[in-house]
Protein backbone atom coordinates (compact mmCIF):
# COMPACT_ATOMS: atom_id res chain seq x y z
CA MET A 1 115.63 74.51 145.93
CA LEU A 2 113.13 75.48 148.28
CA SER A 3 110.97 73.46 150.54
CA ARG A 4 107.31 72.96 150.06
CA SER A 5 107.20 73.60 154.23
CA CYS A 6 109.12 77.03 153.34
CA LEU A 7 106.98 77.94 150.29
CA GLY A 8 104.19 77.34 152.42
CA ARG A 9 105.31 79.82 155.35
CA ASN A 10 106.17 82.50 152.95
CA ALA A 11 103.40 82.13 150.31
CA PRO A 12 101.20 84.73 151.89
CA ARG A 13 104.42 87.34 151.96
CA LEU A 14 105.33 86.86 148.44
CA LEU A 15 101.41 87.21 147.77
CA ARG A 16 101.42 90.45 149.51
CA LYS A 17 104.14 91.84 147.93
CA GLN A 18 102.64 91.11 144.15
CA CYS A 19 99.94 92.97 145.15
CA ILE A 20 101.99 96.00 146.23
CA ALA A 21 103.79 95.88 143.04
CA SER A 22 101.30 95.14 140.65
CA ASN A 23 99.54 98.47 142.30
CA SER A 24 102.25 100.37 142.18
CA ARG A 25 102.49 99.54 138.49
CA ARG A 26 98.64 100.81 137.62
CA GLY A 27 99.78 104.08 135.90
CA MET A 28 96.68 105.11 133.84
CA ALA A 29 94.01 102.51 135.59
CA ALA A 30 91.47 100.80 133.96
CA ALA A 31 88.23 100.69 135.02
CA ALA A 32 87.46 99.47 138.73
CA SER A 33 84.97 96.98 138.03
CA ALA A 34 86.96 95.04 135.51
CA PRO A 35 89.39 92.56 136.77
CA ARG A 36 93.41 93.76 136.94
CA GLY A 37 94.98 93.61 133.77
CA PHE A 38 91.90 92.68 131.64
CA GLU A 39 90.32 95.39 129.96
CA TYR A 40 92.24 97.82 127.82
CA GLU A 41 92.86 101.45 128.17
CA THR A 42 92.91 103.25 124.73
CA GLY A 43 94.17 106.48 123.22
CA ASP A 44 95.68 108.26 120.30
CA ALA A 45 99.18 109.65 119.44
CA ALA A 46 100.16 111.19 116.41
CA GLY A 47 97.07 110.08 114.69
CA VAL A 48 97.47 106.32 115.41
CA LYS A 49 94.88 104.66 117.70
CA PHE A 50 96.46 102.48 120.25
CA ALA A 51 95.37 100.43 123.35
CA ASN A 52 97.45 99.33 126.08
CA ARG A 53 96.89 96.81 129.05
CA ASP A 54 98.81 97.26 132.13
CA VAL A 55 99.70 93.66 132.99
CA ALA A 56 102.32 92.98 136.04
CA GLY A 57 105.26 91.26 134.70
CA PRO A 58 108.68 91.80 133.45
CA THR A 59 107.79 91.44 129.93
CA SER A 60 105.66 93.30 127.79
CA THR A 61 104.30 93.11 123.94
CA LEU A 62 103.91 95.26 121.24
CA SER A 63 101.64 94.48 118.17
CA VAL A 64 100.84 96.45 114.95
CA VAL A 65 97.21 95.30 113.67
CA ALA A 66 96.90 96.20 110.21
CA LYS A 67 93.53 95.91 107.99
CA ALA A 68 95.08 94.24 105.08
CA GLY A 69 94.23 90.52 105.52
CA SER A 70 93.12 88.13 102.18
CA ARG A 71 90.09 90.00 102.08
CA TYR A 72 91.34 93.07 100.71
CA GLU A 73 94.03 91.78 98.63
CA PRO A 74 93.86 93.26 95.30
CA PHE A 75 96.02 90.44 93.57
CA PRO A 76 95.82 86.57 95.26
CA GLY A 77 98.49 86.56 97.83
CA TYR A 78 99.45 89.83 98.47
CA ALA A 79 98.32 89.74 102.20
CA ASP A 80 100.53 86.16 102.99
CA VAL A 81 103.65 87.76 100.87
CA LEU A 82 103.38 90.74 103.16
CA LYS A 83 103.26 88.91 106.06
CA LYS A 84 106.11 87.18 105.00
CA PHE A 85 108.17 90.31 104.44
CA ALA A 86 107.59 91.51 107.83
CA PHE A 87 111.25 92.17 109.66
CA LYS A 88 113.21 91.75 106.34
CA SER A 89 115.49 94.73 105.42
CA THR A 90 114.25 98.38 106.00
CA ALA A 91 116.15 101.59 105.03
CA LYS A 92 118.06 101.60 108.19
CA ARG A 93 118.33 98.09 109.22
CA SER A 94 119.20 94.79 107.16
CA ALA A 95 117.32 91.88 108.19
CA LEU A 96 120.57 90.51 109.40
CA ARG A 97 121.12 93.24 111.82
CA ILE A 98 117.43 93.27 113.30
CA THR A 99 117.80 89.60 113.90
CA ARG A 100 120.92 90.18 115.94
CA GLU A 101 120.02 93.15 117.65
CA VAL A 102 116.42 91.58 118.72
CA GLU A 103 118.78 88.45 119.85
CA LEU A 104 120.70 90.57 122.04
CA LEU A 105 117.62 91.99 123.89
CA GLY A 106 116.10 88.58 124.17
CA GLY A 107 113.51 89.45 122.51
CA GLU A 108 110.65 87.64 120.16
CA LEU A 109 109.48 88.67 116.62
CA SER A 110 106.26 87.34 115.02
CA SER A 111 103.74 87.75 112.17
CA TYR A 112 100.16 86.34 110.83
CA HIS A 113 97.79 87.13 109.04
CA THR A 114 93.77 86.37 109.10
CA ARG A 115 91.16 86.82 106.72
CA GLU A 116 90.86 90.69 107.89
CA ASN A 117 94.29 91.74 109.50
CA ILE A 118 98.14 91.30 109.49
CA VAL A 119 99.51 91.21 112.69
CA LEU A 120 102.77 91.94 113.67
CA THR A 121 104.26 91.31 117.16
CA ALA A 122 107.26 91.65 119.23
CA LYS A 123 107.75 90.46 122.79
CA PHE A 124 110.76 91.61 124.70
CA LEU A 125 111.66 92.79 128.42
CA GLN A 126 109.57 95.53 129.62
CA ARG A 127 112.43 98.24 129.68
CA ASP A 128 113.29 97.54 125.97
CA LEU A 129 109.68 99.26 124.72
CA PRO A 130 111.24 102.56 122.97
CA TYR A 131 113.77 99.80 121.05
CA PHE A 132 110.54 97.76 119.89
CA ALA A 133 108.57 100.95 119.42
CA GLU A 134 111.04 102.07 117.29
CA LEU A 135 111.36 98.64 115.59
CA LEU A 136 107.96 98.13 114.46
CA ALA A 137 107.24 101.71 113.00
CA GLU A 138 110.42 101.26 111.00
CA VAL A 139 108.97 97.84 109.60
CA ILE A 140 105.82 99.18 108.25
CA SER A 141 107.15 102.42 107.03
CA LYS A 142 110.57 101.98 105.71
CA ALA A 143 110.54 98.83 104.78
CA LYS A 144 112.49 97.38 101.60
CA TYR A 145 110.27 94.84 99.48
CA SER A 146 113.40 93.94 97.19
CA ARG A 147 112.64 91.40 94.12
CA TYR A 148 115.81 89.25 95.16
CA GLU A 149 114.16 88.42 98.63
CA LEU A 150 110.53 87.83 96.98
CA ASP A 151 112.16 85.47 94.60
CA GLU A 152 114.97 83.46 96.78
CA HIS A 153 113.32 83.59 100.22
CA ILE A 154 109.54 84.06 100.32
CA SER A 155 108.28 82.39 96.90
CA ASN A 156 109.43 79.21 98.57
CA LEU A 157 108.03 80.09 101.97
CA ILE A 158 104.43 80.27 100.32
CA LYS A 159 105.25 76.93 98.05
CA TYR A 160 105.75 75.03 101.55
CA THR A 161 102.52 76.39 102.82
CA GLN A 162 100.60 75.37 100.07
CA ASN A 163 102.11 71.79 100.13
CA ASP A 164 100.56 72.19 104.00
CA ILE A 165 97.22 72.65 102.78
CA LEU A 166 97.00 70.20 100.31
CA ALA A 167 98.13 67.70 102.69
CA SER A 168 95.26 68.51 104.93
CA PRO A 169 91.79 67.79 103.58
CA ALA A 170 90.22 69.48 106.40
CA THR A 171 91.68 73.06 106.00
CA GLN A 172 91.19 72.52 102.14
CA ALA A 173 87.64 72.28 102.88
CA VAL A 174 87.49 75.35 105.36
CA GLU A 175 88.71 77.28 102.64
CA SER A 176 86.79 76.20 100.10
CA ALA A 177 83.27 76.60 102.52
CA HIS A 178 84.80 80.21 102.95
CA LYS A 179 84.71 80.41 98.62
CA VAL A 180 81.41 79.23 98.27
CA ALA A 181 79.98 80.83 101.43
CA PHE A 182 81.65 84.78 100.26
CA HIS A 183 82.63 84.52 96.71
CA ARG A 184 85.15 87.25 97.00
CA GLY A 185 86.44 89.35 99.95
CA LEU A 186 86.11 86.94 102.50
CA GLY A 187 86.07 84.13 100.15
CA ASN A 188 89.89 84.92 99.14
CA PRO A 189 92.01 82.31 100.16
CA LEU A 190 94.36 82.82 103.09
CA VAL A 191 97.06 81.23 100.80
CA PRO A 192 96.66 81.41 96.95
CA SER A 193 96.14 77.78 95.53
CA PRO A 194 98.91 76.14 94.12
CA SER A 195 97.17 76.07 90.62
CA ALA A 196 96.62 79.68 90.71
CA PRO A 197 98.61 81.95 88.28
CA VAL A 198 100.39 83.47 91.51
CA ASN A 199 103.67 84.47 89.80
CA GLN A 200 101.95 86.58 87.46
CA TYR A 201 100.68 88.84 89.99
CA LEU A 202 103.42 89.05 92.97
CA VAL A 203 105.92 91.93 91.51
CA ALA A 204 107.95 93.58 94.32
CA GLU A 205 106.48 96.84 93.42
CA GLY A 206 103.22 95.69 93.75
CA ILE A 207 104.04 94.36 97.45
CA ALA A 208 105.57 97.78 98.27
CA GLY A 209 102.45 99.57 96.94
CA TYR A 210 99.93 97.15 99.11
CA ALA A 211 102.54 98.06 102.06
CA GLU A 212 101.88 101.85 101.17
CA GLY A 213 98.03 101.13 101.63
CA ALA A 214 98.00 98.66 104.32
CA TYR A 215 99.99 100.17 106.94
CA ALA A 216 98.40 103.98 106.82
CA LYS A 217 97.38 105.38 110.06
CA PRO A 218 93.89 104.99 109.32
CA SER A 219 93.96 101.22 108.61
CA ILE A 220 96.41 100.16 111.86
CA ALA A 221 95.84 100.15 115.41
CA ILE A 222 98.93 99.65 118.09
CA VAL A 223 97.98 97.22 121.14
CA SER A 224 100.19 96.87 123.90
CA ASN A 225 100.39 94.53 126.88
CA GLY A 226 102.65 94.69 130.06
CA SER A 227 103.74 98.39 129.46
CA ASN A 228 102.37 101.70 131.07
CA THR A 229 99.95 103.40 129.47
CA THR A 230 102.07 106.91 129.67
CA ASP A 231 104.84 105.31 128.25
CA VAL A 232 103.15 103.36 125.49
CA ALA A 233 101.08 106.93 124.09
CA LYS A 234 105.06 108.55 124.70
CA TRP A 235 106.80 106.19 122.14
CA VAL A 236 103.88 105.36 119.94
CA GLY A 237 103.73 109.39 119.24
CA GLU A 238 107.43 109.69 118.82
CA PHE A 239 107.96 106.68 116.25
CA PHE A 240 104.85 106.28 114.75
CA ALA A 241 104.53 110.06 113.45
CA GLU A 242 105.87 109.47 110.04
CA VAL A 243 103.60 106.32 108.95
CA PRO A 244 101.49 107.86 105.88
CA THR A 245 98.22 109.58 107.09
CA ALA A 246 96.12 108.44 103.99
CA ALA A 247 96.02 105.51 102.26
CA THR A 248 97.99 105.46 98.46
CA SER A 249 96.00 105.22 95.17
CA SER A 250 98.16 102.86 93.98
CA PRO A 251 96.23 100.01 91.77
CA PHE A 252 98.13 97.79 94.38
CA ALA A 253 96.48 99.16 97.40
CA PRO A 254 94.10 96.95 99.34
CA LYS A 255 90.92 97.09 98.59
CA ALA A 256 87.98 99.19 100.12
CA ALA A 257 85.59 96.91 102.22
CA GLN A 258 82.62 95.80 100.44
CA PRO A 259 79.92 94.21 102.82
CA ALA A 260 80.09 90.56 102.93
CA GLN A 261 77.33 88.88 101.18
CA TYR A 262 76.46 85.37 102.17
CA TYR A 263 75.52 83.07 99.13
CA GLY A 264 76.03 79.50 99.71
CA GLY A 265 76.19 76.81 97.52
CA GLU A 266 78.45 73.60 97.24
CA GLU A 267 82.27 72.66 95.78
CA ARG A 268 83.85 68.98 95.63
CA ILE A 269 87.77 68.55 95.52
CA PRO A 270 89.41 65.31 94.69
CA SER A 271 92.49 64.34 96.99
CA GLN A 272 94.20 61.34 97.68
CA ALA A 273 95.52 62.94 101.19
CA GLY A 274 92.42 61.84 103.24
CA ASN A 275 88.68 62.73 103.59
CA ALA A 276 86.81 65.61 104.83
CA ILE A 277 83.15 67.54 104.87
CA VAL A 278 82.23 70.95 105.61
CA ILE A 279 79.25 72.11 106.48
CA ALA A 280 78.62 75.54 106.78
CA PHE A 281 75.93 78.53 107.79
CA PRO A 282 75.69 82.25 107.93
CA GLY A 283 77.15 82.79 111.55
CA SER A 284 77.79 85.75 114.00
CA ASN A 285 79.76 88.97 113.88
CA ALA A 286 82.81 89.79 115.90
CA PHE A 287 82.60 90.66 119.47
CA THR A 288 84.00 94.45 118.22
CA THR A 289 81.13 95.07 115.87
CA THR A 290 77.18 95.33 115.65
CA GLY A 291 75.70 92.18 114.69
CA TYR A 292 77.20 89.97 117.31
CA LYS A 293 75.08 87.16 118.24
CA ALA A 294 75.59 85.37 121.51
CA GLU A 295 73.21 82.80 120.77
CA VAL A 296 75.85 81.33 117.89
CA ALA A 297 78.36 81.36 120.25
CA VAL A 298 76.11 78.87 122.50
CA LEU A 299 74.86 76.84 119.50
CA SER A 300 78.41 76.32 118.56
CA ALA A 301 79.35 75.07 122.12
CA LEU A 302 76.28 73.09 122.17
CA LEU A 303 77.00 71.25 118.94
CA GLY A 304 80.68 71.17 119.87
CA GLY A 305 82.62 67.31 118.52
CA GLN A 306 86.18 67.77 119.64
CA SER A 307 86.37 67.56 124.13
CA THR A 308 87.81 69.92 126.23
CA ILE A 309 89.15 67.13 128.56
CA LYS A 310 92.31 65.09 127.85
CA TRP A 311 91.83 61.68 127.12
CA SER A 312 87.85 62.04 127.04
CA ALA A 313 85.36 61.97 124.02
CA GLY A 314 83.68 64.88 125.84
CA SER A 315 79.64 65.03 126.13
CA SER A 316 78.80 67.40 123.38
CA LEU A 317 76.18 66.83 121.03
CA LEU A 318 78.61 65.64 117.81
CA ALA A 319 80.94 63.81 120.34
CA LYS A 320 78.03 61.78 121.32
CA ALA A 321 77.03 61.52 117.88
CA ALA A 322 80.16 60.88 116.48
CA SER A 323 81.07 58.21 119.09
CA ALA A 324 79.62 55.35 116.52
CA PHE A 325 82.29 56.06 113.70
CA PRO A 326 85.55 55.27 114.76
CA ASN A 327 88.85 57.33 113.61
CA ILE A 328 86.39 60.50 112.61
CA SER A 329 87.10 63.89 113.98
CA VAL A 330 84.27 66.29 114.22
CA SER A 331 84.55 70.22 115.74
CA THR A 332 82.67 72.90 115.49
CA GLN A 333 83.53 76.83 114.92
CA ASN A 334 81.96 80.07 114.43
CA ALA A 335 84.69 82.05 112.24
CA ALA A 336 83.50 85.79 113.13
CA TYR A 337 84.33 88.76 110.96
CA ALA A 338 83.64 92.71 110.90
CA ASP A 339 80.13 92.30 109.25
CA ALA A 340 79.65 88.86 108.80
CA GLY A 341 80.39 85.06 110.30
CA LEU A 342 80.71 81.78 109.30
CA LEU A 343 79.37 78.70 111.72
CA TYR A 344 80.72 75.82 110.30
CA VAL A 345 81.07 71.71 111.21
CA THR A 346 84.40 69.98 109.91
CA ILE A 347 83.99 66.08 109.58
CA SER A 348 87.40 64.48 108.46
CA GLY A 349 88.79 60.89 108.29
CA ALA A 350 90.61 58.43 106.47
CA HIS A 351 87.70 56.49 105.20
CA ALA A 352 85.20 58.19 102.81
CA ALA A 353 82.21 55.94 103.79
CA THR A 354 82.78 56.75 107.13
CA VAL A 355 83.11 60.30 107.03
CA SER A 356 80.08 60.38 104.87
CA SER A 357 77.93 58.71 107.60
CA ALA A 358 79.24 61.17 110.06
CA ALA A 359 78.23 63.73 108.01
CA GLY A 360 74.47 62.42 107.62
CA ALA A 361 74.83 62.31 111.89
CA VAL A 362 76.20 66.02 112.00
CA VAL A 363 72.80 66.98 110.09
CA GLU A 364 70.41 64.79 112.07
CA THR A 365 71.86 66.29 115.46
CA LEU A 366 71.28 70.07 114.12
CA LYS A 367 67.75 68.97 113.29
CA LYS A 368 67.55 67.63 116.53
CA VAL A 369 68.35 71.26 118.27
CA ALA A 370 66.36 72.77 115.71
CA ALA A 371 63.47 71.15 117.17
CA GLY A 372 63.90 71.37 120.63
CA GLU A 373 65.10 67.85 121.68
CA VAL A 374 67.86 68.99 123.43
CA ALA A 375 68.20 69.09 127.30
CA ALA A 376 68.27 72.35 129.42
CA GLU A 377 71.42 70.68 131.15
CA ASP A 378 73.37 70.65 128.24
CA VAL A 379 72.36 73.98 126.70
CA LYS A 380 73.46 75.02 130.23
CA ARG A 381 76.84 73.42 129.74
CA ALA A 382 77.00 74.91 126.36
CA THR A 383 76.63 78.46 127.89
CA ALA A 384 79.28 77.69 130.37
CA LEU A 385 81.66 76.74 127.71
CA ALA A 386 80.88 79.73 125.00
CA LYS A 387 81.42 81.96 128.07
CA PHE A 388 85.00 80.60 128.82
CA ARG A 389 85.91 80.43 125.26
CA ALA A 390 84.99 84.11 124.83
CA LEU A 391 86.63 85.25 128.09
CA GLU A 392 89.82 83.22 127.27
CA SER A 393 89.91 84.30 123.62
CA ALA A 394 90.18 88.03 124.91
CA GLN A 395 92.71 86.92 127.75
CA SER A 396 94.55 85.06 125.00
CA LEU A 397 97.70 87.14 123.98
CA TYR A 398 97.01 86.77 120.31
CA THR A 399 93.21 86.48 119.88
CA GLY A 400 93.25 89.14 122.36
CA ILE A 401 95.47 91.67 120.33
CA GLU A 402 93.68 91.25 117.06
CA LEU A 403 90.09 91.81 118.52
CA THR A 404 91.46 94.62 120.11
CA GLY A 405 93.02 95.98 117.17
CA GLU A 406 90.26 95.34 115.05
CA GLY A 407 87.89 97.09 117.45
CA LEU A 408 89.87 100.24 117.29
CA ILE A 409 90.25 100.05 113.40
CA HIS A 410 86.64 99.81 112.93
CA GLY A 411 85.00 101.66 115.66
CA GLY A 412 87.66 103.19 117.89
CA LYS A 413 87.11 101.25 120.70
CA ALA A 414 88.87 98.28 122.08
CA PHE A 415 87.33 95.03 122.75
CA GLN A 416 86.32 94.97 126.47
CA ILE A 417 84.91 91.62 126.98
CA ALA A 418 82.89 92.27 130.03
CA GLN A 419 79.73 92.92 127.84
CA VAL A 420 80.12 89.90 125.90
CA GLY A 421 79.88 87.06 128.78
CA GLN A 422 76.76 89.21 129.90
CA ALA A 423 75.50 88.42 126.37
CA ILE A 424 76.07 84.84 126.49
CA GLU A 425 74.93 84.48 130.06
CA LYS A 426 71.25 85.76 128.98
CA VAL A 427 71.41 83.29 125.97
CA SER A 428 67.53 81.11 126.51
CA ASP A 429 67.02 77.74 125.16
CA ALA A 430 64.32 79.04 123.21
CA GLN A 431 67.14 81.38 121.69
CA VAL A 432 69.45 78.47 120.70
CA LYS A 433 66.55 76.79 119.25
CA ALA A 434 65.88 79.51 117.20
CA ALA A 435 69.12 79.80 115.83
CA ALA A 436 69.47 76.53 114.49
CA LYS A 437 66.11 76.86 112.72
CA SER A 438 67.45 79.49 111.16
CA LEU A 439 70.84 77.95 110.14
CA LEU A 440 68.47 75.27 108.16
CA SER A 441 66.18 77.31 106.95
CA ASN A 442 69.57 79.02 105.07
CA LYS A 443 71.21 77.65 102.20
CA ALA A 444 74.29 75.66 103.48
CA SER A 445 77.72 76.14 102.11
CA PHE A 446 78.76 72.63 101.46
CA SER A 447 82.65 71.29 100.69
CA ALA A 448 83.71 67.76 100.28
CA VAL A 449 87.42 66.86 99.74
CA GLY A 450 88.60 63.67 99.22
CA ASP A 451 87.15 60.18 97.41
CA LEU A 452 84.18 62.10 95.24
CA HIS A 453 82.88 58.57 94.32
CA VAL A 454 82.15 58.20 97.85
CA LEU A 455 81.60 61.44 99.73
CA PRO A 456 78.05 62.85 99.26
CA TYR A 457 76.77 65.93 97.83
CA ALA A 458 74.71 68.33 100.21
CA THR A 459 71.22 67.20 98.86
CA GLU A 460 72.13 63.56 99.88
CA LEU A 461 72.26 65.05 103.40
CA GLY A 462 68.83 66.98 103.40
CA LEU A 463 70.84 70.23 102.98
CA THR A 464 70.06 73.18 100.74
CA VAL A 465 72.53 74.90 98.94
């Protein structure tokens, strides 16, 4: 083991070596004004849009982002099933062979989906980029969607996920709030409800038809981190050339995007697993599209709820308001999508009466913000936190991948964070106040899950639905 004194003497020399190594890997350099390895370079290879961030280091990631989340499902559960089919058998490799080959190379494979996208990601040693580029291309263009894998494996995984949601009233309330807010499209559940007749829709031929449209060139983007841009362009061009150039006309293909429309309303769901309330309003679009409202990001941070400091309740407005109610969890989030957003507050706890009282305190706090009864110092703190969250989300591997891929798919531009940080810094106290007033003037989307005899209705809290 190296001593601290030895490490201290060698630190400057080691740092110089790191800098030299980093500069030698620059390749097609990003803009000089951007932090090293922070902004993406973009290109097109074989008709496939790609973005690369040449981050110094021995490992890389390569992801396929496909515009095929639950928003675009023709039938319930198709996005979730397609995600779960990732890295199963293809025309060239069995699932077992894929597993063994990836393990031999020390790589990792993962997949997830959101309301708008499915994301398949490979993490690997930098030298193995050609193998994983070929594998991802094969997975999206030559996968076998067999009935036996659907029946024997994937159907059970869906049931496990459904049970997890039933055990979490807060998750149920968030899903319900989206349905109330947007109805179809963005209101489609991430995972089909256990009460939904999912089996009558899930057929292997249907999933194959959904995949053919989901993984067509106009609907995907390749996002790389840690490789040379020239190499990424080379291997994407070679292996993704056979990806379909147009979406299929199959009845199982992803639906065409319809503009999101906000409705608002209320839903109440009985549950014995606990109690939760979600109070939601129209929010801000994603960073990557027009309609982004920096003041909503600041308002979300201002309301807060959960502390950013371990073992501390924090000093956000809702953290202070919730301190009077023991064993209550309160958090604020802006779910940002391509053409809409949902700013929502989640209140959860074991006791319905306490959750109800805390929900009343949340509404009163929001009214105080709308009335301008907030200290300038609180807004300043919230602005700093909102900027940190935006920058951190872009730097975060998984969040940054989806945002970048989504930007390429919808507008042909990678997510470049510098502009977002600047927009947040310019937000004024008056804009935050106006944003809060705008929320309260809109119809709320209100969801209560738990003991419905005790949990309040939206109108009892002074909300319009």
